[in-house]
Amino acid sequence: MTSEAKRWPHAVIYDPDAVVELLEMKSKEEHRALLNAVRKLGELGEQLGPPHMKPLKGAGPLCELRPRQGQSDWRAICRRSEDFYAILAIDRHKNFAALIERAQARAARYDRPLKADRP
């Protein structure tokens, strides 16, 4: 096993539309903070808990990544698929309702049953 695989045991991918949103971030500091939150997700997976990540009530399998322990104005919405996490949408917290709506629309692109959901 490579040292990279040891550091990132959980694969993280970006939805193409989320990549566009990531590139539109103006603040380099906030951009780094968001990438740091994604790195932590890759390292810890489900063990990454509040205040860095929390499940979204009423939004199915979606989770909110919260850079800077929730102190950042930026959020990323992700979901776990069978063998990876998908970053679905990125935006400012003030646009949270639209952010969730976009993430829910994109989530179907990654629908595969989890091993635990299979009979």
N, C-alpha and C. Protein backbone atom coordinates (compact mmCIF):
# COMPACT_ATOMS: atom_id res chain seq x y z
N MET A 1 0.84 -1.18 0.00
CA MET A 1 0.00 0.00 0.00
C MET A 1 0.88 1.24 0.00
N THR A 2 0.56 2.19 -0.86
CA THR A 2 1.37 3.40 -0.94
C THR A 2 1.07 4.32 0.24
N SER A 3 1.98 5.25 0.47
CA SER A 3 1.74 6.19 1.56
C SER A 3 0.52 7.06 1.27
N GLU A 4 0.24 7.36 0.00
CA GLU A 4 -0.93 8.15 -0.37
C GLU A 4 -2.20 7.39 -0.02
N ALA A 5 -2.24 6.09 -0.29
CA ALA A 5 -3.42 5.29 0.04
C ALA A 5 -3.62 5.21 1.55
N LYS A 6 -2.56 5.20 2.31
CA LYS A 6 -2.67 5.19 3.76
C LYS A 6 -3.25 6.51 4.26
N ARG A 7 -2.88 7.61 3.64
CA ARG A 7 -3.36 8.92 4.06
C ARG A 7 -4.80 9.16 3.62
N TRP A 8 -5.20 8.61 2.49
CA TRP A 8 -6.53 8.81 1.93
C TRP A 8 -7.22 7.46 1.73
N PRO A 9 -7.63 6.79 2.79
CA PRO A 9 -8.28 5.50 2.62
C PRO A 9 -9.68 5.60 2.02
N HIS A 10 -10.26 6.80 2.00
CA HIS A 10 -11.60 7.00 1.45
C HIS A 10 -11.49 7.87 0.20
N ALA A 11 -11.88 7.32 -0.93
CA ALA A 11 -11.80 8.07 -2.19
C ALA A 11 -12.83 9.20 -2.18
N VAL A 12 -12.42 10.35 -2.69
CA VAL A 12 -13.31 11.51 -2.80
C VAL A 12 -13.23 11.99 -4.25
N ILE A 13 -14.40 12.13 -4.87
CA ILE A 13 -14.46 12.66 -6.23
C ILE A 13 -15.32 13.93 -6.22
N TYR A 14 -15.18 14.73 -7.25
CA TYR A 14 -15.96 15.95 -7.39
C TYR A 14 -16.90 15.80 -8.57
N ASP A 15 -18.16 16.17 -8.38
CA ASP A 15 -19.08 16.29 -9.49
C ASP A 15 -18.53 17.40 -10.40
N PRO A 16 -18.62 17.24 -11.71
CA PRO A 16 -18.08 18.28 -12.61
C PRO A 16 -18.65 19.68 -12.33
N ASP A 17 -19.93 19.76 -11.97
CA ASP A 17 -20.51 21.07 -11.67
C ASP A 17 -19.94 21.64 -10.37
N ALA A 18 -19.61 20.78 -9.43
CA ALA A 18 -19.00 21.23 -8.17
C ALA A 18 -17.58 21.76 -8.43
N VAL A 19 -16.89 21.18 -9.40
CA VAL A 19 -15.55 21.68 -9.75
C VAL A 19 -15.65 23.12 -10.25
N VAL A 20 -16.64 23.39 -11.07
CA VAL A 20 -16.85 24.76 -11.55
C VAL A 20 -17.10 25.70 -10.38
N GLU A 21 -17.93 25.26 -9.44
CA GLU A 21 -18.22 26.08 -8.26
C GLU A 21 -16.96 26.30 -7.41
N LEU A 22 -16.15 25.27 -7.28
CA LEU A 22 -14.90 25.38 -6.53
C LEU A 22 -13.97 26.40 -7.17
N LEU A 23 -13.87 26.36 -8.48
CA LEU A 23 -12.99 27.28 -9.19
C LEU A 23 -13.49 28.72 -9.16
N GLU A 24 -14.77 28.92 -8.88
CA GLU A 24 -15.34 30.27 -8.81
C GLU A 24 -15.10 30.94 -7.46
N MET A 25 -14.58 30.20 -6.48
CA MET A 25 -14.29 30.79 -5.18
C MET A 25 -13.20 31.84 -5.34
N LYS A 26 -13.44 33.03 -4.83
CA LYS A 26 -12.49 34.13 -4.98
C LYS A 26 -11.38 34.12 -3.92
N SER A 27 -11.73 33.76 -2.70
CA SER A 27 -10.77 33.81 -1.60
C SER A 27 -9.87 32.57 -1.60
N LYS A 28 -8.57 32.80 -1.72
CA LYS A 28 -7.62 31.68 -1.67
C LYS A 28 -7.63 31.00 -0.31
N GLU A 29 -7.83 31.78 0.75
CA GLU A 29 -7.87 31.20 2.10
C GLU A 29 -9.07 30.28 2.26
N GLU A 30 -10.23 30.71 1.79
CA GLU A 30 -11.43 29.88 1.90
C GLU A 30 -11.33 28.67 0.98
N HIS A 31 -10.71 28.84 -0.17
CA HIS A 31 -10.48 27.73 -1.10
C HIS A 31 -9.63 26.67 -0.42
N ARG A 32 -8.54 27.09 0.23
CA ARG A 32 -7.67 26.16 0.96
C ARG A 32 -8.41 25.49 2.11
N ALA A 33 -9.23 26.25 2.81
CA ALA A 33 -9.99 25.70 3.93
C ALA A 33 -10.96 24.62 3.45
N LEU A 34 -11.60 24.85 2.32
CA LEU A 34 -12.52 23.86 1.77
C LEU A 34 -11.76 22.61 1.34
N LEU A 35 -10.63 22.79 0.67
CA LEU A 35 -9.83 21.63 0.26
C LEU A 35 -9.31 20.86 1.48
N ASN A 36 -9.02 21.56 2.56
CA ASN A 36 -8.59 20.90 3.79
C ASN A 36 -9.72 20.04 4.37
N ALA A 37 -10.95 20.55 4.32
CA ALA A 37 -12.10 19.77 4.79
C ALA A 37 -12.29 18.52 3.94
N VAL A 38 -12.10 18.64 2.64
CA VAL A 38 -12.22 17.49 1.74
C VAL A 38 -11.10 16.49 2.04
N ARG A 39 -9.90 16.99 2.31
CA ARG A 39 -8.79 16.10 2.67
C ARG A 39 -9.13 15.31 3.94
N LYS A 40 -9.68 15.99 4.93
CA LYS A 40 -10.07 15.31 6.17
C LYS A 40 -11.12 14.25 5.90
N LEU A 41 -12.06 14.53 5.00
CA LEU A 41 -13.07 13.54 4.63
C LEU A 41 -12.39 12.32 4.02
N GLY A 42 -11.41 12.54 3.14
CA GLY A 42 -10.69 11.43 2.53
C GLY A 42 -9.90 10.62 3.54
N GLU A 43 -9.39 11.28 4.56
CA GLU A 43 -8.61 10.58 5.58
C GLU A 43 -9.48 9.84 6.58
N LEU A 44 -10.60 10.44 6.97
CA LEU A 44 -11.38 9.91 8.08
C LEU A 44 -12.72 9.30 7.70
N GLY A 45 -13.26 9.68 6.56
CA GLY A 45 -14.55 9.15 6.14
C GLY A 45 -15.64 9.43 7.17
N GLU A 46 -16.41 8.39 7.52
CA GLU A 46 -17.52 8.53 8.45
C GLU A 46 -17.08 9.00 9.85
N GLN A 47 -15.82 8.83 10.16
CA GLN A 47 -15.32 9.24 11.48
C GLN A 47 -15.18 10.76 11.59
N LEU A 48 -15.22 11.44 10.47
CA LEU A 48 -15.17 12.91 10.50
C LEU A 48 -16.53 13.40 10.97
N GLY A 49 -16.56 13.98 12.12
CA GLY A 49 -17.84 14.40 12.69
C GLY A 49 -17.91 15.89 12.89
N PRO A 50 -18.94 16.32 13.62
CA PRO A 50 -19.09 17.74 13.91
C PRO A 50 -17.87 18.25 14.67
N PRO A 51 -17.47 19.45 14.44
CA PRO A 51 -18.11 20.48 13.61
C PRO A 51 -17.65 20.47 12.16
N HIS A 52 -16.83 19.50 11.77
CA HIS A 52 -16.29 19.47 10.40
C HIS A 52 -17.30 18.96 9.38
N MET A 53 -18.13 18.02 9.79
CA MET A 53 -19.12 17.43 8.88
C MET A 53 -20.34 17.04 9.70
N LYS A 54 -21.50 17.22 9.10
CA LYS A 54 -22.71 16.75 9.78
C LYS A 54 -23.72 16.31 8.73
N PRO A 55 -24.52 15.29 9.07
CA PRO A 55 -25.57 14.86 8.15
C PRO A 55 -26.65 15.93 8.04
N LEU A 56 -27.29 15.98 6.89
CA LEU A 56 -28.35 16.96 6.68
C LEU A 56 -29.70 16.28 6.94
N LYS A 57 -30.39 16.73 7.94
CA LYS A 57 -31.69 16.16 8.28
C LYS A 57 -32.68 16.42 7.16
N GLY A 58 -33.40 15.38 6.78
CA GLY A 58 -34.41 15.51 5.74
C GLY A 58 -33.86 15.59 4.33
N ALA A 59 -32.57 15.38 4.15
CA ALA A 59 -31.97 15.48 2.81
C ALA A 59 -31.36 14.15 2.38
N GLY A 60 -31.86 13.05 2.92
CA GLY A 60 -31.38 11.73 2.52
C GLY A 60 -29.95 11.51 2.96
N PRO A 61 -29.14 10.97 2.05
CA PRO A 61 -27.77 10.61 2.43
C PRO A 61 -26.76 11.76 2.35
N LEU A 62 -27.23 12.99 2.24
CA LEU A 62 -26.32 14.12 2.06
C LEU A 62 -25.71 14.57 3.39
N CYS A 63 -24.46 15.01 3.29
CA CYS A 63 -23.74 15.56 4.44
C CYS A 63 -23.19 16.93 4.07
N GLU A 64 -23.02 17.75 5.08
CA GLU A 64 -22.49 19.10 4.91
C GLU A 64 -21.05 19.12 5.41
N LEU A 65 -20.12 19.47 4.55
CA LEU A 65 -18.74 19.71 4.96
C LEU A 65 -18.64 21.17 5.39
N ARG A 66 -18.05 21.38 6.56
CA ARG A 66 -18.04 22.71 7.17
C ARG A 66 -16.60 23.15 7.43
N PRO A 67 -15.97 23.80 6.45
CA PRO A 67 -14.58 24.24 6.62
C PRO A 67 -14.41 25.13 7.85
N ARG A 68 -13.20 25.08 8.39
CA ARG A 68 -12.85 25.87 9.57
C ARG A 68 -13.79 25.58 10.75
N GLN A 69 -14.14 24.30 10.90
CA GLN A 69 -15.02 23.85 11.99
C GLN A 69 -16.35 24.61 11.99
N GLY A 70 -16.84 24.92 10.80
CA GLY A 70 -18.10 25.62 10.68
C GLY A 70 -17.98 27.13 10.71
N GLN A 71 -16.78 27.66 10.89
CA GLN A 71 -16.58 29.11 10.96
C GLN A 71 -16.49 29.76 9.58
N SER A 72 -16.27 28.96 8.55
CA SER A 72 -16.21 29.49 7.19
C SER A 72 -17.62 29.75 6.67
N ASP A 73 -17.74 30.72 5.78
CA ASP A 73 -19.02 31.00 5.13
C ASP A 73 -19.31 30.00 4.01
N TRP A 74 -18.33 29.18 3.65
CA TRP A 74 -18.46 28.24 2.54
C TRP A 74 -18.86 26.87 3.04
N ARG A 75 -19.62 26.15 2.21
CA ARG A 75 -20.04 24.79 2.51
C ARG A 75 -19.90 23.94 1.26
N ALA A 76 -19.64 22.67 1.49
CA ALA A 76 -19.68 21.68 0.41
C ALA A 76 -20.67 20.60 0.84
N ILE A 77 -21.49 20.17 -0.08
CA ILE A 77 -22.44 19.10 0.20
C ILE A 77 -21.93 17.85 -0.51
N CYS A 78 -21.89 16.76 0.25
CA CYS A 78 -21.38 15.51 -0.30
C CYS A 78 -22.32 14.36 0.04
N ARG A 79 -22.07 13.24 -0.59
CA ARG A 79 -22.78 12.02 -0.26
C ARG A 79 -21.83 10.85 -0.42
N ARG A 80 -22.10 9.82 0.32
CA ARG A 80 -21.30 8.61 0.23
C ARG A 80 -21.97 7.66 -0.75
N SER A 81 -21.18 7.13 -1.65
CA SER A 81 -21.63 6.07 -2.52
C SER A 81 -20.97 4.79 -2.00
N GLU A 82 -21.05 3.73 -2.74
CA GLU A 82 -20.53 2.46 -2.24
C GLU A 82 -19.07 2.53 -1.84
N ASP A 83 -18.25 3.06 -2.71
CA ASP A 83 -16.81 3.02 -2.45
C ASP A 83 -16.13 4.39 -2.56
N PHE A 84 -16.92 5.46 -2.49
CA PHE A 84 -16.33 6.79 -2.56
C PHE A 84 -17.31 7.83 -2.01
N TYR A 85 -16.78 9.01 -1.77
CA TYR A 85 -17.60 10.17 -1.44
C TYR A 85 -17.62 11.06 -2.67
N ALA A 86 -18.76 11.67 -2.95
CA ALA A 86 -18.89 12.60 -4.07
C ALA A 86 -19.19 14.00 -3.51
N ILE A 87 -18.36 14.96 -3.87
CA ILE A 87 -18.63 16.37 -3.55
C ILE A 87 -19.59 16.85 -4.62
N LEU A 88 -20.82 17.19 -4.21
CA LEU A 88 -21.89 17.47 -5.16
C LEU A 88 -22.08 18.95 -5.48
N ALA A 89 -21.90 19.81 -4.48
CA ALA A 89 -22.16 21.23 -4.68
C ALA A 89 -21.37 22.04 -3.66
N ILE A 90 -20.98 23.24 -4.06
CA ILE A 90 -20.19 24.14 -3.21
C ILE A 90 -20.77 25.55 -3.34
N ASP A 91 -20.97 26.19 -2.19
CA ASP A 91 -21.48 27.57 -2.22
C ASP A 91 -21.35 28.17 -0.82
N ARG A 92 -21.70 29.44 -0.72
CA ARG A 92 -21.71 30.13 0.57
C ARG A 92 -22.90 29.66 1.40
N HIS A 93 -22.72 29.71 2.70
CA HIS A 93 -23.77 29.28 3.61
C HIS A 93 -25.04 30.11 3.44
N LYS A 94 -24.89 31.37 3.07
CA LYS A 94 -26.07 32.24 2.90
C LYS A 94 -26.96 31.75 1.75
N ASN A 95 -26.42 30.92 0.86
CA ASN A 95 -27.18 30.35 -0.26
C ASN A 95 -27.52 28.88 0.01
N PHE A 96 -27.70 28.53 1.29
CA PHE A 96 -27.80 27.14 1.69
C PHE A 96 -28.96 26.40 1.02
N ALA A 97 -30.13 27.01 0.93
CA ALA A 97 -31.29 26.33 0.33
C ALA A 97 -31.00 25.97 -1.13
N ALA A 98 -30.43 26.89 -1.89
CA ALA A 98 -30.10 26.61 -3.29
C ALA A 98 -28.98 25.58 -3.39
N LEU A 99 -28.05 25.63 -2.45
CA LEU A 99 -26.95 24.67 -2.41
C LEU A 99 -27.49 23.25 -2.24
N ILE A 100 -28.41 23.07 -1.30
CA ILE A 100 -29.01 21.76 -1.06
C ILE A 100 -29.80 21.30 -2.28
N GLU A 101 -30.53 22.21 -2.88
CA GLU A 101 -31.32 21.87 -4.07
C GLU A 101 -30.42 21.37 -5.20
N ARG A 102 -29.31 22.06 -5.43
CA ARG A 102 -28.38 21.62 -6.48
C ARG A 102 -27.77 20.26 -6.15
N ALA A 103 -27.40 20.09 -4.89
CA ALA A 103 -26.78 18.82 -4.48
C ALA A 103 -27.77 17.67 -4.64
N GLN A 104 -29.02 17.87 -4.27
CA GLN A 104 -30.02 16.82 -4.41
C GLN A 104 -30.23 16.46 -5.88
N ALA A 105 -30.24 17.46 -6.74
CA ALA A 105 -30.41 17.20 -8.17
C ALA A 105 -29.23 16.40 -8.73
N ARG A 106 -28.03 16.66 -8.24
CA ARG A 106 -26.83 15.98 -8.74
C ARG A 106 -26.62 14.61 -8.09
N ALA A 107 -27.19 14.39 -6.94
CA ALA A 107 -26.94 13.15 -6.18
C ALA A 107 -27.32 11.90 -6.96
N ALA A 108 -28.35 11.98 -7.77
CA ALA A 108 -28.79 10.81 -8.53
C ALA A 108 -27.72 10.31 -9.49
N ARG A 109 -26.79 11.17 -9.85
CA ARG A 109 -25.70 10.75 -10.75
C ARG A 109 -24.83 9.68 -10.10
N TYR A 110 -24.91 9.60 -8.78
CA TYR A 110 -24.03 8.69 -8.02
C TYR A 110 -24.82 7.62 -7.28
N ASP A 111 -26.05 7.41 -7.69
CA ASP A 111 -26.88 6.40 -7.03
C ASP A 111 -26.40 5.00 -7.38
N ARG A 112 -25.89 4.36 -6.38
CA ARG A 112 -25.58 2.93 -6.43
C ARG A 112 -25.85 2.44 -5.03
N PRO A 113 -26.47 1.30 -4.90
CA PRO A 113 -26.76 0.84 -3.54
C PRO A 113 -25.48 0.57 -2.76
N LEU A 114 -25.51 0.93 -1.49
CA LEU A 114 -24.40 0.63 -0.62
C LEU A 114 -24.39 -0.86 -0.31
N LYS A 115 -23.24 -1.43 -0.04
CA LYS A 115 -23.15 -2.84 0.29
C LYS A 115 -24.10 -3.18 1.44
N ALA A 116 -24.19 -2.32 2.42
CA ALA A 116 -25.06 -2.56 3.57
C ALA A 116 -26.54 -2.57 3.18
N ASP A 117 -26.89 -1.93 2.06
CA ASP A 117 -28.28 -1.86 1.62
C ASP A 117 -28.68 -3.06 0.76
N ARG A 118 -27.73 -3.84 0.32
CA ARG A 118 -28.03 -4.98 -0.53
C ARG A 118 -28.54 -6.15 0.31
N PRO A 119 -29.43 -6.97 -0.28
CA PRO A 119 -29.93 -8.14 0.47
C PRO A 119 -28.87 -9.18 0.70
